[in-house]
C-alpha atoms as a PDB file:
ATOM      1  CA  MET A   1      -0.049  -0.075   0.152  1.00  0.00           C
ATOM      2  CA  TYR A   2       1.140   3.514  -0.832  1.00  0.00           C
ATOM      3  CA  ARG A   3       0.705   6.515   1.156  1.00  0.00           C
ATOM      4  CA  VAL A   4       1.028  10.296   1.020  1.00  0.00           C
ATOM      5  CA  SER A   5       0.300  12.534   3.833  1.00  0.00           C
ATOM      6  CA  TYR A   6      -0.194  16.116   4.165  1.00  0.00           C
ATOM      7  CA  GLU A   7      -0.268  18.602   6.856  1.00  0.00           C
ATOM      8  CA  ILE A   8      -2.392  21.891   6.931  1.00  0.00           C
ATOM      9  CA  VAL A   9      -2.775  24.296   9.522  1.00  0.00           C
ATOM     10  CA  LEU A  10      -5.673  26.752   9.738  1.00  0.00           C
ATOM     11  CA  HIS A  11      -5.422  29.645  11.826  1.00  0.00           C
ATOM     12  CA  GLY A  12      -9.317  30.602  11.819  1.00  0.00           C
ATOM     13  CA  PHE A  13      -9.566  32.524   8.926  1.00  0.00           C
ATOM     14  CA  PRO A  14     -13.023  32.227   7.141  1.00  0.00           C
ATOM     15  CA  GLU A  15     -11.313  31.898   3.960  1.00  0.00           C
ATOM     16  CA  GLU A  16      -9.168  28.796   5.136  1.00  0.00           C
ATOM     17  CA  LEU A  17     -12.581  26.917   6.474  1.00  0.00           C
ATOM     18  CA  LYS A  18     -14.009  27.750   3.072  1.00  0.00           C
ATOM     19  CA  CYS A  19     -11.121  25.857   1.195  1.00  0.00           C
ATOM     20  CA  VAL A  20     -11.339  22.996   3.522  1.00  0.00           C
ATOM     21  CA  ILE A  21     -15.373  22.652   2.547  1.00  0.00           C
ATOM     22  CA  LYS A  22     -14.310  23.133  -0.997  1.00  0.00           C
ATOM     23  CA  LEU A  23     -12.023  20.205  -0.770  1.00  0.00           C
ATOM     24  CA  ASN A  24     -14.931  18.069   0.892  1.00  0.00           C
ATOM     25  CA  GLU A  25     -17.415  18.952  -2.074  1.00  0.00           C
ATOM     26  CA  ALA A  26     -14.749  18.157  -4.767  1.00  0.00           C
ATOM     27  CA  LEU A  27     -14.031  14.917  -3.192  1.00  0.00           C
ATOM     28  CA  ASN A  28     -17.856  13.859  -2.187  1.00  0.00           C
ATOM     29  CA  THR A  29     -18.984  14.028  -5.835  1.00  0.00           C
ATOM     30  CA  MET A  30     -20.703  10.729  -5.651  1.00  0.00           C
ATOM     31  CA  ASP A  31     -21.649  10.728  -1.934  1.00  0.00           C
ATOM     32  CA  ASN A  32     -18.596   8.829  -0.890  1.00  0.00           C
ATOM     33  CA  CYS A  33     -17.496  10.660   2.035  1.00  0.00           C
ATOM     34  CA  VAL A  34     -18.476  10.183   5.739  1.00  0.00           C
ATOM     35  CA  GLY A  35     -17.960  12.730   8.552  1.00  0.00           C
ATOM     36  CA  SER A  36     -17.837  16.331   9.119  1.00  0.00           C
ATOM     37  CA  GLN A  37     -16.297  19.078   6.995  1.00  0.00           C
ATOM     38  CA  THR A  38     -13.195  19.337   8.795  1.00  0.00           C
ATOM     39  CA  SER A  39     -12.983  15.487   9.769  1.00  0.00           C
ATOM     40  CA  PHE A  40     -13.891  13.044   7.338  1.00  0.00           C
ATOM     41  CA  VAL A  41     -13.076   9.903   5.118  1.00  0.00           C
ATOM     42  CA  CYS A  42     -13.558   9.562   1.469  1.00  0.00           C
ATOM     43  CA  PHE A  43     -13.248   7.037  -1.303  1.00  0.00           C
ATOM     44  CA  TYR A  44     -12.112   8.772  -4.483  1.00  0.00           C
ATOM     45  CA  GLY A  45     -11.258   6.649  -7.207  1.00  0.00           C
ATOM     46  CA  ASP A  46      -9.055   3.746  -5.907  1.00  0.00           C
ATOM     47  CA  THR A  47      -7.794   5.666  -2.860  1.00  0.00           C
ATOM     48  CA  LEU A  48      -8.712   6.213   0.562  1.00  0.00           C
ATOM     49  CA  ILE A  49      -8.379  10.010   1.945  1.00  0.00           C
ATOM     50  CA  LYS A  50      -8.716  10.754   5.569  1.00  0.00           C
ATOM     51  CA  LEU A  51      -8.796  14.298   7.106  1.00  0.00           C
ATOM     52  CA  ILE A  52      -7.809  13.955  10.705  1.00  0.00           C
ATOM     53  CA  PRO A  53      -7.666  17.267  12.825  1.00  0.00           C
ATOM     54  CA  TYR A  54      -5.072  16.758  15.815  1.00  0.00           C
ATOM     55  CA  GLN A  55      -3.852  19.061  18.563  1.00  0.00           C
ATOM     56  CA  GLN A  56      -0.282  20.125  18.214  1.00  0.00           C
ATOM     57  CA  PRO A  57       1.583  20.397  21.425  1.00  0.00           C
ATOM     58  CA  GLN A  58       1.796  24.304  22.060  1.00  0.00           C
ATOM     59  CA  GLN A  59       4.783  26.289  23.314  1.00  0.00           C
ATOM     60  CA  PHE A  60       3.626  28.219  26.411  1.00  0.00           C
ATOM     61  CA  SER A  61       4.986  31.700  26.725  1.00  0.00           C
ATOM     62  CA  PRO A  62       3.372  33.950  29.470  1.00  0.00           C
ATOM     63  CA  LEU A  63       5.072  37.089  27.689  1.00  0.00           C
ATOM     64  CA  GLN A  64       3.812  36.218  23.908  1.00  0.00           C
ATOM     65  CA  PRO A  65       0.098  34.762  23.732  1.00  0.00           C
ATOM     66  CA  GLN A  66       0.007  31.807  21.200  1.00  0.00           C
ATOM     67  CA  PRO A  67      -2.653  32.008  18.447  1.00  0.00           C
ATOM     68  CA  GLN A  68      -5.201  29.214  18.148  1.00  0.00           C
ATOM     69  CA  THR A  69      -4.441  26.928  15.500  1.00  0.00           C
ATOM     70  CA  LEU A  70      -6.258  23.877  13.968  1.00  0.00           C
ATOM     71  CA  SER A  71      -3.735  21.245  12.423  1.00  0.00           C
ATOM     72  CA  ILE A  72      -5.078  18.502  10.000  1.00  0.00           C
ATOM     73  CA  ILE A  73      -3.486  15.801   8.835  1.00  0.00           C
ATOM     74  CA  ILE A  74      -4.281  14.612   5.034  1.00  0.00           C
ATOM     75  CA  SER A  75      -3.782  11.038   4.446  1.00  0.00           C
ATOM     76  CA  ILE A  76      -4.052   9.509   1.062  1.00  0.00           C
ATOM     77  CA  GLU A  77      -3.754   5.640   0.706  1.00  0.00           C
ATOM     78  CA  GLY A  78      -4.215   3.208  -2.177  1.00  0.00           C
ATOM     79  CA  GLU A  79      -2.802   0.230  -3.884  1.00  0.00           C
ATOM     80  CA  LYS A  80      -1.600   1.842  -6.962  1.00  0.00           C
ATOM     81  CA  ALA A  81       1.245   4.348  -6.620  1.00  0.00           C
ATOM     82  CA  ARG A  82      -0.056   6.422  -9.673  1.00  0.00           C
ATOM     83  CA  ASP A  83      -3.464   6.664  -8.198  1.00  0.00           C
ATOM     84  CA  VAL A  84      -2.201   7.775  -4.912  1.00  0.00           C
ATOM     85  CA  VAL A  85      -0.021  10.578  -6.588  1.00  0.00           C
ATOM     86  CA  ASP A  86      -2.795  11.817  -9.098  1.00  0.00           C
ATOM     87  CA  THR A  87      -5.218  12.295  -5.918  1.00  0.00           C
ATOM     88  CA  ALA A  88      -2.323  13.733  -3.999  1.00  0.00           C
ATOM     89  CA  LYS A  89      -2.019  16.375  -6.828  1.00  0.00           C
ATOM     90  CA  HIS A  90      -5.698  17.060  -7.181  1.00  0.00           C
ATOM     91  CA  ILE A  91      -6.138  17.589  -3.079  1.00  0.00           C
ATOM     92  CA  TYR A  92      -2.885  19.772  -3.353  1.00  0.00           C
ATOM     93  CA  ASN A  93      -3.885  21.778  -6.074  1.00  0.00           C
ATOM     94  CA  ILE A  94      -7.610  22.506  -4.598  1.00  0.00           C
ATOM     95  CA  LEU A  95      -5.640  23.724  -1.144  1.00  0.00           C
ATOM     96  CA  LYS A  96      -3.049  25.800  -2.905  1.00  0.00           C
ATOM     97  CA  SER A  97      -5.796  27.528  -5.115  1.00  0.00           C
ATOM     98  CA  CYS A  98      -7.563  29.258  -2.102  1.00  0.00           C
ATOM     99  CA  GLY A  99      -4.350  29.932  -0.385  1.00  0.00           C
ATOM    100  CA  VAL A 100      -3.952  27.043   2.285  1.00  0.00           C
ATOM    101  CA  LEU A 101      -0.452  26.205   3.063  1.00  0.00           C
ATOM    102  CA  VAL A 102       0.115  22.860   2.503  1.00  0.00           C
ATOM    103  CA  ARG A 103       3.021  20.668   4.021  1.00  0.00           C
ATOM    104  CA  LEU A 104       4.378  17.387   2.954  1.00  0.00           C
ATOM    105  CA  VAL A 105       4.502  14.929   5.921  1.00  0.00           C
ATOM    106  CA  SER A 106       5.409  11.863   4.571  1.00  0.00           C
END
């Protein structure tokens, strides 16, 4: 099985949430997603896509307040490397088109 993982960090801007919703809508073309708008699992072609929010350990500083952020791991898995790469490219392009910073994790 092949896997590509991205991380996106949302800073609470409405545009960022709209972008994640846009991604959900693009992947959910045939009612093949389960979950909410920021945490879901989809079958897209021959790949499985998971969006999983997680809490980053925050560095606490009493002198400088830390902004509240939401980190989301996007995992794309499949049996064929080509399908995984094509789906990863599609997801990357959707997120970059609306200005969300995407980081390749693995």
